[in-house]
Amino acid sequence: MSTPTNVLLCYCTCPNAASAQHLADALVGESLAACVNRIAGVHSTYRWKGQVTTDVEELLLIKTTVERFEALKERVVALHPYELPELIAVPVERGHVAYLDWVREAGG
């Protein structure tokens, strides 16, 4: 049985590089995330308002903690250009202990 780390890996897609960078800068700058990785060229197919759509997006991988998640979610919703932004948080069960400690401490 593993012990929870209280670290979360959050997934969030953005429509373009500018909005992804703006969101990453805000989350890290406001100490809501320790680190945000941007992955360009993600092809997303989804159903929206009755239509199947495919778009090229940027995926953000956001490292934060359980304690900072609600504030992070509020900022994502406030800053994101989408009407309904994707934000999915997955608990980190295990990892490099020193890195997980850094994620916990980096939020200030």
PDB file of N, CA and C in Angstrom:
ATOM      1  N   MET A   1       0.858  -1.175   0.000  1.00  0.00           N
ATOM      2  CA  MET A   1       0.000   0.000   0.000  1.00  0.00           C
ATOM      3  C   MET A   1       0.899   1.232   0.000  1.00  0.00           C
ATOM      4  N   SER A   2       0.573   2.198  -0.831  1.00  0.00           N
ATOM      5  CA  SER A   2       1.411   3.380  -0.910  1.00  0.00           C
ATOM      6  C   SER A   2       0.794   4.515  -0.092  1.00  0.00           C
ATOM      7  N   THR A   3       1.631   5.430   0.302  1.00  0.00           N
ATOM      8  CA  THR A   3       1.199   6.577   1.085  1.00  0.00           C
ATOM      9  C   THR A   3       0.938   7.751   0.150  1.00  0.00           C
ATOM     10  N   PRO A   4      -0.174   8.459   0.314  1.00  0.00           N
ATOM     11  CA  PRO A   4      -0.425   9.624  -0.547  1.00  0.00           C
ATOM     12  C   PRO A   4       0.669  10.674  -0.372  1.00  0.00           C
ATOM     13  N   THR A   5       1.007  11.340  -1.450  1.00  0.00           N
ATOM     14  CA  THR A   5       2.071  12.341  -1.412  1.00  0.00           C
ATOM     15  C   THR A   5       1.518  13.748  -1.254  1.00  0.00           C
ATOM     16  N   ASN A   6       0.263  13.978  -1.445  1.00  0.00           N
ATOM     17  CA  ASN A   6      -0.470  15.236  -1.518  1.00  0.00           C
ATOM     18  C   ASN A   6      -0.056  16.095  -2.705  1.00  0.00           C
ATOM     19  N   VAL A   7       0.713  15.509  -3.641  1.00  0.00           N
ATOM     20  CA  VAL A   7       1.078  16.191  -4.882  1.00  0.00           C
ATOM     21  C   VAL A   7       0.087  15.776  -5.961  1.00  0.00           C
ATOM     22  N   LEU A   8      -0.296  16.741  -6.790  1.00  0.00           N
ATOM     23  CA  LEU A   8      -1.215  16.494  -7.904  1.00  0.00           C
ATOM     24  C   LEU A   8      -0.535  16.815  -9.222  1.00  0.00           C
ATOM     25  N   LEU A   9      -0.867  16.052 -10.245  1.00  0.00           N
ATOM     26  CA  LEU A   9      -0.505  16.361 -11.619  1.00  0.00           C
ATOM     27  C   LEU A   9      -1.804  16.739 -12.309  1.00  0.00           C
ATOM     28  N   CYS A  10      -1.887  17.980 -12.779  1.00  0.00           N
ATOM     29  CA  CYS A  10      -3.115  18.482 -13.399  1.00  0.00           C
ATOM     30  C   CYS A  10      -2.911  18.636 -14.899  1.00  0.00           C
ATOM     31  N   TYR A  11      -3.928  18.270 -15.646  1.00  0.00           N
ATOM     32  CA  TYR A  11      -3.928  18.388 -17.098  1.00  0.00           C
ATOM     33  C   TYR A  11      -4.860  19.525 -17.485  1.00  0.00           C
ATOM     34  N   CYS A  12      -4.388  20.379 -18.392  1.00  0.00           N
ATOM     35  CA  CYS A  12      -5.214  21.488 -18.876  1.00  0.00           C
ATOM     36  C   CYS A  12      -4.817  21.771 -20.321  1.00  0.00           C
ATOM     37  N   THR A  13      -5.787  21.804 -21.227  1.00  0.00           N
ATOM     38  CA  THR A  13      -5.490  22.136 -22.615  1.00  0.00           C
ATOM     39  C   THR A  13      -5.793  23.607 -22.865  1.00  0.00           C
ATOM     40  N   CYS A  14      -5.028  24.193 -23.788  1.00  0.00           N
ATOM     41  CA  CYS A  14      -5.185  25.600 -24.171  1.00  0.00           C
ATOM     42  C   CYS A  14      -5.233  25.686 -25.697  1.00  0.00           C
ATOM     43  N   PRO A  15      -5.901  26.717 -26.235  1.00  0.00           N
ATOM     44  CA  PRO A  15      -6.065  26.790 -27.681  1.00  0.00           C
ATOM     45  C   PRO A  15      -4.807  27.178 -28.449  1.00  0.00           C
ATOM     46  N   ASN A  16      -3.824  27.793 -27.780  1.00  0.00           N
ATOM     47  CA  ASN A  16      -2.634  28.247 -28.494  1.00  0.00           C
ATOM     48  C   ASN A  16      -1.485  28.493 -27.516  1.00  0.00           C
ATOM     49  N   ALA A  17      -0.307  28.769 -28.067  1.00  0.00           N
ATOM     50  CA  ALA A  17       0.897  28.953 -27.252  1.00  0.00           C
ATOM     51  C   ALA A  17       0.784  30.170 -26.343  1.00  0.00           C
ATOM     52  N   ALA A  18       0.204  31.247 -26.837  1.00  0.00           N
ATOM     53  CA  ALA A  18       0.124  32.473 -26.033  1.00  0.00           C
ATOM     54  C   ALA A  18      -0.734  32.271 -24.791  1.00  0.00           C
ATOM     55  N   SER A  19      -1.890  31.649 -24.944  1.00  0.00           N
ATOM     56  CA  SER A  19      -2.756  31.441 -23.778  1.00  0.00           C
ATOM     57  C   SER A  19      -2.137  30.425 -22.820  1.00  0.00           C
ATOM     58  N   ALA A  20      -1.456  29.415 -23.354  1.00  0.00           N
ATOM     59  CA  ALA A  20      -0.796  28.419 -22.510  1.00  0.00           C
ATOM     60  C   ALA A  20       0.326  29.063 -21.698  1.00  0.00           C
ATOM     61  N   GLN A  21       1.127  29.910 -22.337  1.00  0.00           N
ATOM     62  CA  GLN A  21       2.227  30.569 -21.621  1.00  0.00           C
ATOM     63  C   GLN A  21       1.691  31.545 -20.579  1.00  0.00           C
ATOM     64  N   HIS A  22       0.648  32.284 -20.916  1.00  0.00           N
ATOM     65  CA  HIS A  22       0.038  33.222 -19.972  1.00  0.00           C
ATOM     66  C   HIS A  22      -0.448  32.483 -18.725  1.00  0.00           C
ATOM     67  N   LEU A  23      -1.118  31.373 -18.920  1.00  0.00           N
ATOM     68  CA  LEU A  23      -1.639  30.591 -17.807  1.00  0.00           C
ATOM     69  C   LEU A  23      -0.489  29.992 -16.982  1.00  0.00           C
ATOM     70  N   ALA A  24       0.523  29.448 -17.649  1.00  0.00           N
ATOM     71  CA  ALA A  24       1.674  28.874 -16.947  1.00  0.00           C
ATOM     72  C   ALA A  24       2.380  29.942 -16.111  1.00  0.00           C
ATOM     73  N   ASP A  25       2.604  31.103 -16.694  1.00  0.00           N
ATOM     74  CA  ASP A  25       3.269  32.194 -15.969  1.00  0.00           C
ATOM     75  C   ASP A  25       2.474  32.614 -14.743  1.00  0.00           C
ATOM     76  N   ALA A  26       1.164  32.725 -14.884  1.00  0.00           N
ATOM     77  CA  ALA A  26       0.315  33.139 -13.766  1.00  0.00           C
ATOM     78  C   ALA A  26       0.335  32.099 -12.653  1.00  0.00           C
ATOM     79  N   LEU A  27       0.185  30.834 -12.996  1.00  0.00           N
ATOM     80  CA  LEU A  27       0.112  29.788 -11.976  1.00  0.00           C
ATOM     81  C   LEU A  27       1.418  29.655 -11.199  1.00  0.00           C
ATOM     82  N   VAL A  28       2.541  29.689 -11.898  1.00  0.00           N
ATOM     83  CA  VAL A  28       3.831  29.592 -11.218  1.00  0.00           C
ATOM     84  C   VAL A  28       4.139  30.912 -10.507  1.00  0.00           C
ATOM     85  N   GLY A  29       3.869  32.032 -11.166  1.00  0.00           N
ATOM     86  CA  GLY A  29       4.143  33.343 -10.570  1.00  0.00           C
ATOM     87  C   GLY A  29       3.358  33.597  -9.299  1.00  0.00           C
ATOM     88  N   GLU A  30       2.153  33.056  -9.209  1.00  0.00           N
ATOM     89  CA  GLU A  30       1.310  33.238  -8.034  1.00  0.00           C
ATOM     90  C   GLU A  30       1.470  32.095  -7.025  1.00  0.00           C
ATOM     91  N   SER A  31       2.472  31.258  -7.218  1.00  0.00           N
ATOM     92  CA  SER A  31       2.785  30.128  -6.327  1.00  0.00           C
ATOM     93  C   SER A  31       1.640  29.132  -6.188  1.00  0.00           C
ATOM     94  N   LEU A  32       0.846  29.000  -7.238  1.00  0.00           N
ATOM     95  CA  LEU A  32      -0.219  27.998  -7.252  1.00  0.00           C
ATOM     96  C   LEU A  32       0.270  26.679  -7.834  1.00  0.00           C
ATOM     97  N   ALA A  33       1.377  26.729  -8.551  1.00  0.00           N
ATOM     98  CA  ALA A  33       2.002  25.541  -9.138  1.00  0.00           C
ATOM     99  C   ALA A  33       3.505  25.674  -8.981  1.00  0.00           C
ATOM    100  N   ALA A  34       4.171  24.551  -8.776  1.00  0.00           N
ATOM    101  CA  ALA A  34       5.628  24.547  -8.701  1.00  0.00           C
ATOM    102  C   ALA A  34       6.239  24.583 -10.092  1.00  0.00           C
ATOM    103  N   CYS A  35       5.566  23.957 -11.040  1.00  0.00           N
ATOM    104  CA  CYS A  35       6.101  23.808 -12.397  1.00  0.00           C
ATOM    105  C   CYS A  35       4.946  23.552 -13.352  1.00  0.00           C
ATOM    106  N   VAL A  36       5.062  24.092 -14.564  1.00  0.00           N
ATOM    107  CA  VAL A  36       4.096  23.812 -15.621  1.00  0.00           C
ATOM    108  C   VAL A  36       4.885  23.472 -16.880  1.00  0.00           C
ATOM    109  N   ASN A  37       4.648  22.288 -17.436  1.00  0.00           N
ATOM    110  CA  ASN A  37       5.238  21.899 -18.716  1.00  0.00           C
ATOM    111  C   ASN A  37       4.209  22.156 -19.809  1.00  0.00           C
ATOM    112  N   ARG A  38       4.681  22.688 -20.950  1.00  0.00           N
ATOM    113  CA  ARG A  38       3.809  22.913 -22.109  1.00  0.00           C
ATOM    114  C   ARG A  38       4.185  21.924 -23.201  1.00  0.00           C
ATOM    115  N   ILE A  39       3.163  21.229 -23.709  1.00  0.00           N
ATOM    116  CA  ILE A  39       3.362  20.293 -24.813  1.00  0.00           C
ATOM    117  C   ILE A  39       2.535  20.795 -25.988  1.00  0.00           C
ATOM    118  N   ALA A  40       3.215  21.205 -27.039  1.00  0.00           N
ATOM    119  CA  ALA A  40       2.544  21.747 -28.225  1.00  0.00           C
ATOM    120  C   ALA A  40       2.116  20.618 -29.158  1.00  0.00           C
ATOM    121  N   GLY A  41       1.141  20.919 -30.012  1.00  0.00           N
ATOM    122  CA  GLY A  41       0.761  19.997 -31.069  1.00  0.00           C
ATOM    123  C   GLY A  41      -0.109  18.836 -30.630  1.00  0.00           C
ATOM    124  N   VAL A  42      -0.865  19.005 -29.557  1.00  0.00           N
ATOM    125  CA  VAL A  42      -1.783  17.962 -29.102  1.00  0.00           C
ATOM    126  C   VAL A  42      -3.049  18.048 -29.953  1.00  0.00           C
ATOM    127  N   HIS A  43      -3.425  16.944 -30.570  1.00  0.00           N
ATOM    128  CA  HIS A  43      -4.629  16.900 -31.396  1.00  0.00           C
ATOM    129  C   HIS A  43      -5.779  16.358 -30.554  1.00  0.00           C
ATOM    130  N   SER A  44      -6.785  17.191 -30.340  1.00  0.00           N
ATOM    131  CA  SER A  44      -7.917  16.823 -29.483  1.00  0.00           C
ATOM    132  C   SER A  44      -9.179  16.686 -30.315  1.00  0.00           C
ATOM    133  N   THR A  45      -9.864  15.575 -30.131  1.00  0.00           N
ATOM    134  CA  THR A  45     -11.165  15.351 -30.758  1.00  0.00           C
ATOM    135  C   THR A  45     -12.181  15.219 -29.637  1.00  0.00           C
ATOM    136  N   TYR A  46     -13.249  16.004 -29.719  1.00  0.00           N
ATOM    137  CA  TYR A  46     -14.211  16.061 -28.620  1.00  0.00           C
ATOM    138  C   TYR A  46     -15.589  16.460 -29.146  1.00  0.00           C
ATOM    139  N   ARG A  47     -16.594  16.209 -28.352  1.00  0.00           N
ATOM    140  CA  ARG A  47     -17.954  16.622 -28.682  1.00  0.00           C
ATOM    141  C   ARG A  47     -18.249  17.893 -27.903  1.00  0.00           C
ATOM    142  N   TRP A  48     -18.644  18.951 -28.620  1.00  0.00           N
ATOM    143  CA  TRP A  48     -18.974  20.223 -27.992  1.00  0.00           C
ATOM    144  C   TRP A  48     -20.228  20.793 -28.651  1.00  0.00           C
ATOM    145  N   LYS A  49     -21.254  20.995 -27.838  1.00  0.00           N
ATOM    146  CA  LYS A  49     -22.520  21.566 -28.293  1.00  0.00           C
ATOM    147  C   LYS A  49     -23.085  20.780 -29.479  1.00  0.00           C
ATOM    148  N   GLY A  50     -23.034  19.450 -29.358  1.00  0.00           N
ATOM    149  CA  GLY A  50     -23.637  18.573 -30.343  1.00  0.00           C
ATOM    150  C   GLY A  50     -22.803  18.285 -31.574  1.00  0.00           C
ATOM    151  N   GLN A  51     -21.616  18.859 -31.663  1.00  0.00           N
ATOM    152  CA  GLN A  51     -20.759  18.659 -32.831  1.00  0.00           C
ATOM    153  C   GLN A  51     -19.456  17.984 -32.424  1.00  0.00           C
ATOM    154  N   VAL A  52     -18.965  17.084 -33.290  1.00  0.00           N
ATOM    155  CA  VAL A  52     -17.649  16.503 -33.079  1.00  0.00           C
ATOM    156  C   VAL A  52     -16.636  17.435 -33.736  1.00  0.00           C
ATOM    157  N   THR A  53     -15.630  17.827 -32.957  1.00  0.00           N
ATOM    158  CA  THR A  53     -14.648  18.814 -33.387  1.00  0.00           C
ATOM    159  C   THR A  53     -13.251  18.272 -33.144  1.00  0.00           C
ATOM    160  N   THR A  54     -12.316  18.646 -33.993  1.00  0.00           N
ATOM    161  CA  THR A  54     -10.903  18.336 -33.781  1.00  0.00           C
ATOM    162  C   THR A  54     -10.124  19.639 -33.844  1.00  0.00           C
ATOM    163  N   ASP A  55      -9.280  19.854 -32.847  1.00  0.00           N
ATOM    164  CA  ASP A  55      -8.444  21.056 -32.762  1.00  0.00           C
ATOM    165  C   ASP A  55      -7.031  20.666 -32.380  1.00  0.00           C
ATOM    166  N   VAL A  56      -6.090  21.526 -32.722  1.00  0.00           N
ATOM    167  CA  VAL A  56      -4.721  21.398 -32.241  1.00  0.00           C
ATOM    168  C   VAL A  56      -4.595  22.333 -31.050  1.00  0.00           C
ATOM    169  N   GLU A  57      -4.148  21.779 -29.930  1.00  0.00           N
ATOM    170  CA  GLU A  57      -4.061  22.541 -28.689  1.00  0.00           C
ATOM    171  C   GLU A  57      -2.675  22.382 -28.069  1.00  0.00           C
ATOM    172  N   GLU A  58      -2.453  23.108 -26.983  1.00  0.00           N
ATOM    173  CA  GLU A  58      -1.279  22.895 -26.140  1.00  0.00           C
ATOM    174  C   GLU A  58      -1.763  22.277 -24.844  1.00  0.00           C
ATOM    175  N   LEU A  59      -1.026  21.274 -24.367  1.00  0.00           N
ATOM    176  CA  LEU A  59      -1.358  20.608 -23.119  1.00  0.00           C
ATOM    177  C   LEU A  59      -0.426  21.115 -22.028  1.00  0.00           C
ATOM    178  N   LEU A  60      -1.012  21.536 -20.921  1.00  0.00           N
ATOM    179  CA  LEU A  60      -0.234  21.924 -19.759  1.00  0.00           C
ATOM    180  C   LEU A  60      -0.225  20.767 -18.765  1.00  0.00           C
ATOM    181  N   LEU A  61       0.950  20.438 -18.254  1.00  0.00           N
ATOM    182  CA  LEU A  61       1.109  19.484 -17.157  1.00  0.00           C
ATOM    183  C   LEU A  61       1.521  20.319 -15.949  1.00  0.00           C
ATOM    184  N   ILE A  62       0.606  20.437 -15.009  1.00  0.00           N
ATOM    185  CA  ILE A  62       0.768  21.353 -13.880  1.00  0.00           C
ATOM    186  C   ILE A  62       1.035  20.542 -12.621  1.00  0.00           C
ATOM    187  N   LYS A  63       2.148  20.855 -11.930  1.00  0.00           N
ATOM    188  CA  LYS A  63       2.465  20.181 -10.674  1.00  0.00           C
ATOM    189  C   LYS A  63       2.109  21.098  -9.514  1.00  0.00           C
ATOM    190  N   THR A  64       1.235  20.613  -8.634  1.00  0.00           N
ATOM    191  CA  THR A  64       0.773  21.393  -7.495  1.00  0.00           C
ATOM    192  C   THR A  64       0.490  20.456  -6.334  1.00  0.00           C
ATOM    193  N   THR A  65      -0.168  20.978  -5.307  1.00  0.00           N
ATOM    194  CA  THR A  65      -0.533  20.157  -4.157  1.00  0.00           C
ATOM    195  C   THR A  65      -2.038  20.193  -3.952  1.00  0.00           C
ATOM    196  N   VAL A  66      -2.510  19.248  -3.167  1.00  0.00           N
ATOM    197  CA  VAL A  66      -3.934  19.188  -2.837  1.00  0.00           C
ATOM    198  C   VAL A  66      -4.375  20.513  -2.208  1.00  0.00           C
ATOM    199  N   GLU A  67      -3.544  21.063  -1.329  1.00  0.00           N
ATOM    200  CA  GLU A  67      -3.898  22.305  -0.627  1.00  0.00           C
ATOM    201  C   GLU A  67      -4.030  23.498  -1.567  1.00  0.00           C
ATOM    202  N   ARG A  68      -3.276  23.532  -2.639  1.00  0.00           N
ATOM    203  CA  ARG A  68      -3.319  24.668  -3.575  1.00  0.00           C
ATOM    204  C   ARG A  68      -4.313  24.470  -4.714  1.00  0.00           C
ATOM    205  N   PHE A  69      -4.914  23.284  -4.814  1.00  0.00           N
ATOM    206  CA  PHE A  69      -5.736  22.987  -5.984  1.00  0.00           C
ATOM    207  C   PHE A  69      -6.934  23.919  -6.149  1.00  0.00           C
ATOM    208  N   GLU A  70      -7.685  24.194  -5.113  1.00  0.00           N
ATOM    209  CA  GLU A  70      -8.890  25.022  -5.268  1.00  0.00           C
ATOM    210  C   GLU A  70      -8.544  26.416  -5.775  1.00  0.00           C
ATOM    211  N   ALA A  71      -7.499  27.030  -5.238  1.00  0.00           N
ATOM    212  CA  ALA A  71      -7.069  28.354  -5.704  1.00  0.00           C
ATOM    213  C   ALA A  71      -6.572  28.274  -7.144  1.00  0.00           C
ATOM    214  N   LEU A  72      -5.856  27.199  -7.476  1.00  0.00           N
ATOM    215  CA  LEU A  72      -5.387  27.001  -8.846  1.00  0.00           C
ATOM    216  C   LEU A  72      -6.576  26.890  -9.794  1.00  0.00           C
ATOM    217  N   LYS A  73      -7.571  26.108  -9.406  1.00  0.00           N
ATOM    218  CA  LYS A  73      -8.758  25.929 -10.245  1.00  0.00           C
ATOM    219  C   LYS A  73      -9.449  27.264 -10.495  1.00  0.00           C
ATOM    220  N   GLU A  74      -9.589  28.073  -9.468  1.00  0.00           N
ATOM    221  CA  GLU A  74     -10.225  29.385  -9.627  1.00  0.00           C
ATOM    222  C   GLU A  74      -9.472  30.258 -10.616  1.00  0.00           C
ATOM    223  N   ARG A  75      -8.136  30.233 -10.571  1.00  0.00           N
ATOM    224  CA  ARG A  75      -7.332  31.041 -11.503  1.00  0.00           C
ATOM    225  C   ARG A  75      -7.434  30.514 -12.923  1.00  0.00           C
ATOM    226  N   VAL A  76      -7.424  29.197 -13.079  1.00  0.00           N
ATOM    227  CA  VAL A  76      -7.563  28.625 -14.420  1.00  0.00           C
ATOM    228  C   VAL A  76      -8.898  29.055 -15.025  1.00  0.00           C
ATOM    229  N   VAL A  77      -9.960  28.917 -14.279  1.00  0.00           N
ATOM    230  CA  VAL A  77     -11.292  29.299 -14.781  1.00  0.00           C
ATOM    231  C   VAL A  77     -11.339  30.794 -15.098  1.00  0.00           C
ATOM    232  N   ALA A  78     -10.722  31.623 -14.269  1.00  0.00           N
ATOM    233  CA  ALA A  78     -10.746  33.081 -14.483  1.00  0.00           C
ATOM    234  C   ALA A  78      -9.915  33.510 -15.688  1.00  0.00           C
ATOM    235  N   LEU A  79      -8.784  32.854 -15.930  1.00  0.00           N
ATOM    236  CA  LEU A  79      -7.854  33.290 -16.977  1.00  0.00           C
ATOM    237  C   LEU A  79      -8.011  32.568 -18.303  1.00  0.00           C
ATOM    238  N   HIS A  80      -8.632  31.421 -18.299  1.00  0.00           N
ATOM    239  CA  HIS A  80      -8.668  30.569 -19.495  1.00  0.00           C
ATOM    240  C   HIS A  80      -9.625  31.137 -20.545  1.00  0.00           C
ATOM    241  N   PRO A  81      -9.233  31.090 -21.824  1.00  0.00           N
ATOM    242  CA  PRO A  81     -10.114  31.617 -22.865  1.00  0.00           C
ATOM    243  C   PRO A  81     -11.306  30.717 -23.201  1.00  0.00           C
ATOM    244  N   TYR A  82     -11.258  29.437 -22.820  1.00  0.00           N
ATOM    245  CA  TYR A  82     -12.376  28.552 -23.135  1.00  0.00           C
ATOM    246  C   TYR A  82     -13.557  28.801 -22.194  1.00  0.00           C
ATOM    247  N   GLU A  83     -14.743  28.605 -22.718  1.00  0.00           N
ATOM    248  CA  GLU A  83     -15.959  28.670 -21.914  1.00  0.00           C
ATOM    249  C   GLU A  83     -15.950  27.598 -20.828  1.00  0.00           C
ATOM    250  N   LEU A  84     -15.424  26.428 -21.168  1.00  0.00           N
ATOM    251  CA  LEU A  84     -15.354  25.296 -20.235  1.00  0.00           C
ATOM    252  C   LEU A  84     -13.944  24.699 -20.304  1.00  0.00           C
ATOM    253  N   PRO A  85     -12.996  25.245 -19.537  1.00  0.00           N
ATOM    254  CA  PRO A  85     -11.631  24.725 -19.616  1.00  0.00           C
ATOM    255  C   PRO A  85     -11.501  23.337 -19.013  1.00  0.00           C
ATOM    256  N   GLU A  86     -10.662  22.545 -19.655  1.00  0.00           N
ATOM    257  CA  GLU A  86     -10.317  21.231 -19.104  1.00  0.00           C
ATOM    258  C   GLU A  86      -9.358  21.439 -17.939  1.00  0.00           C
ATOM    259  N   LEU A  87      -9.671  20.849 -16.807  1.00  0.00           N
ATOM    260  CA  LEU A  87      -8.744  20.802 -15.681  1.00  0.00           C
ATOM    261  C   LEU A  87      -9.016  19.508 -14.938  1.00  0.00           C
ATOM    262  N   ILE A  88      -8.067  18.597 -15.026  1.00  0.00           N
ATOM    263  CA  ILE A  88      -8.191  17.278 -14.407  1.00  0.00           C
ATOM    264  C   ILE A  88      -6.989  17.088 -13.503  1.00  0.00           C
ATOM    265  N   ALA A  89      -7.231  16.764 -12.236  1.00  0.00           N
ATOM    266  CA  ALA A  89      -6.154  16.558 -11.270  1.00  0.00           C
ATOM    267  C   ALA A  89      -6.041  15.080 -10.941  1.00  0.00           C
ATOM    268  N   VAL A  90      -4.826  14.563 -11.031  1.00  0.00           N
ATOM    269  CA  VAL A  90      -4.549  13.159 -10.747  1.00  0.00           C
ATOM    270  C   VAL A  90      -3.572  13.112  -9.571  1.00  0.00           C
ATOM    271  N   PRO A  91      -3.898  12.364  -8.530  1.00  0.00           N
ATOM    272  CA  PRO A  91      -2.972  12.254  -7.404  1.00  0.00           C
ATOM    273  C   PRO A  91      -1.681  11.546  -7.808  1.00  0.00           C
ATOM    274  N   VAL A  92      -0.577  12.074  -7.334  1.00  0.00           N
ATOM    275  CA  VAL A  92       0.720  11.436  -7.561  1.00  0.00           C
ATOM    276  C   VAL A  92       0.939  10.461  -6.409  1.00  0.00           C
ATOM    277  N   GLU A  93       0.944   9.201  -6.747  1.00  0.00           N
ATOM    278  CA  GLU A  93       1.071   8.161  -5.729  1.00  0.00           C
ATOM    279  C   GLU A  93       2.513   7.982  -5.277  1.00  0.00           C
ATOM    280  N   ARG A  94       3.433   8.049  -6.237  1.00  0.00           N
ATOM    281  CA  ARG A  94       4.854   7.854  -5.952  1.00  0.00           C
ATOM    282  C   ARG A  94       5.672   8.763  -6.845  1.00  0.00           C
ATOM    283  N   GLY A  95       6.924   8.962  -6.458  1.00  0.00           N
ATOM    284  CA  GLY A  95       7.833   9.751  -7.277  1.00  0.00           C
ATOM    285  C   GLY A  95       9.164   9.908  -6.566  1.00  0.00           C
ATOM    286  N   HIS A  96      10.042  10.660  -7.193  1.00  0.00           N
ATOM    287  CA  HIS A  96      11.340  10.970  -6.604  1.00  0.00           C
ATOM    288  C   HIS A  96      11.076  11.868  -5.395  1.00  0.00           C
ATOM    289  N   VAL A  97      11.403  11.396  -4.204  1.00  0.00           N
ATOM    290  CA  VAL A  97      11.038  12.072  -2.963  1.00  0.00           C
ATOM    291  C   VAL A  97      11.542  13.517  -2.941  1.00  0.00           C
ATOM    292  N   ALA A  98      12.765  13.745  -3.354  1.00  0.00           N
ATOM    293  CA  ALA A  98      13.313  15.106  -3.344  1.00  0.00           C
ATOM    294  C   ALA A  98      12.519  16.016  -4.279  1.00  0.00           C
ATOM    295  N   TYR A  99      12.103  15.504  -5.441  1.00  0.00           N
ATOM    296  CA  TYR A  99      11.290  16.311  -6.368  1.00  0.00           C
ATOM    297  C   TYR A  99       9.927  16.603  -5.756  1.00  0.00           C
ATOM    298  N   LEU A 100       9.289  15.604  -5.164  1.00  0.00           N
ATOM    299  CA  LEU A 100       7.980  15.813  -4.550  1.00  0.00           C
ATOM    300  C   LEU A 100       8.073  16.805  -3.396  1.00  0.00           C
ATOM    301  N   ASP A 101       9.143  16.760  -2.640  1.00  0.00           N
ATOM    302  CA  ASP A 101       9.364  17.755  -1.575  1.00  0.00           C
ATOM    303  C   ASP A 101       9.465  19.148  -2.173  1.00  0.00           C
ATOM    304  N   TRP A 102      10.182  19.267  -3.282  1.00  0.00           N
ATOM    305  CA  TRP A 102      10.315  20.570  -3.964  1.00  0.00           C
ATOM    306  C   TRP A 102       8.966  21.088  -4.425  1.00  0.00           C
ATOM    307  N   VAL A 103       8.131  20.221  -5.010  1.00  0.00           N
ATOM    308  CA  VAL A 103       6.788  20.642  -5.439  1.00  0.00           C
ATOM    309  C   VAL A 103       6.008  21.180  -4.246  1.00  0.00           C
ATOM    310  N   ARG A 104       6.082  20.506  -3.127  1.00  0.00           N
ATOM    311  CA  ARG A 104       5.359  20.950  -1.934  1.00  0.00           C
ATOM    312  C   ARG A 104       5.887  22.288  -1.422  1.00  0.00           C
ATOM    313  N   GLU A 105       7.192  22.478  -1.470  1.00  0.00           N
ATOM    314  CA  GLU A 105       7.810  23.697  -0.942  1.00  0.00           C
ATOM    315  C   GLU A 105       7.735  24.875  -1.908  1.00  0.00           C
ATOM    316  N   ALA A 106       7.670  24.613  -3.200  1.00  0.00           N
ATOM    317  CA  ALA A 106       7.740  25.679  -4.206  1.00  0.00           C
ATOM    318  C   ALA A 106       6.509  26.571  -4.219  1.00  0.00           C
ATOM    319  N   GLY A 107       5.445  26.140  -3.608  1.00  0.00           N
ATOM    320  CA  GLY A 107       4.225  26.953  -3.584  1.00  0.00           C
ATOM    321  C   GLY A 107       4.277  28.097  -2.602  1.00  0.00           C
ATOM    322  N   GLY A 108       5.290  28.111  -1.758  1.00  0.00           N
ATOM    323  CA  GLY A 108       5.470  29.217  -0.820  1.00  0.00           C
ATOM    324  C   GLY A 108       4.343  29.363   0.112  1.00  0.00           C
TER     325      GLY A 108
END
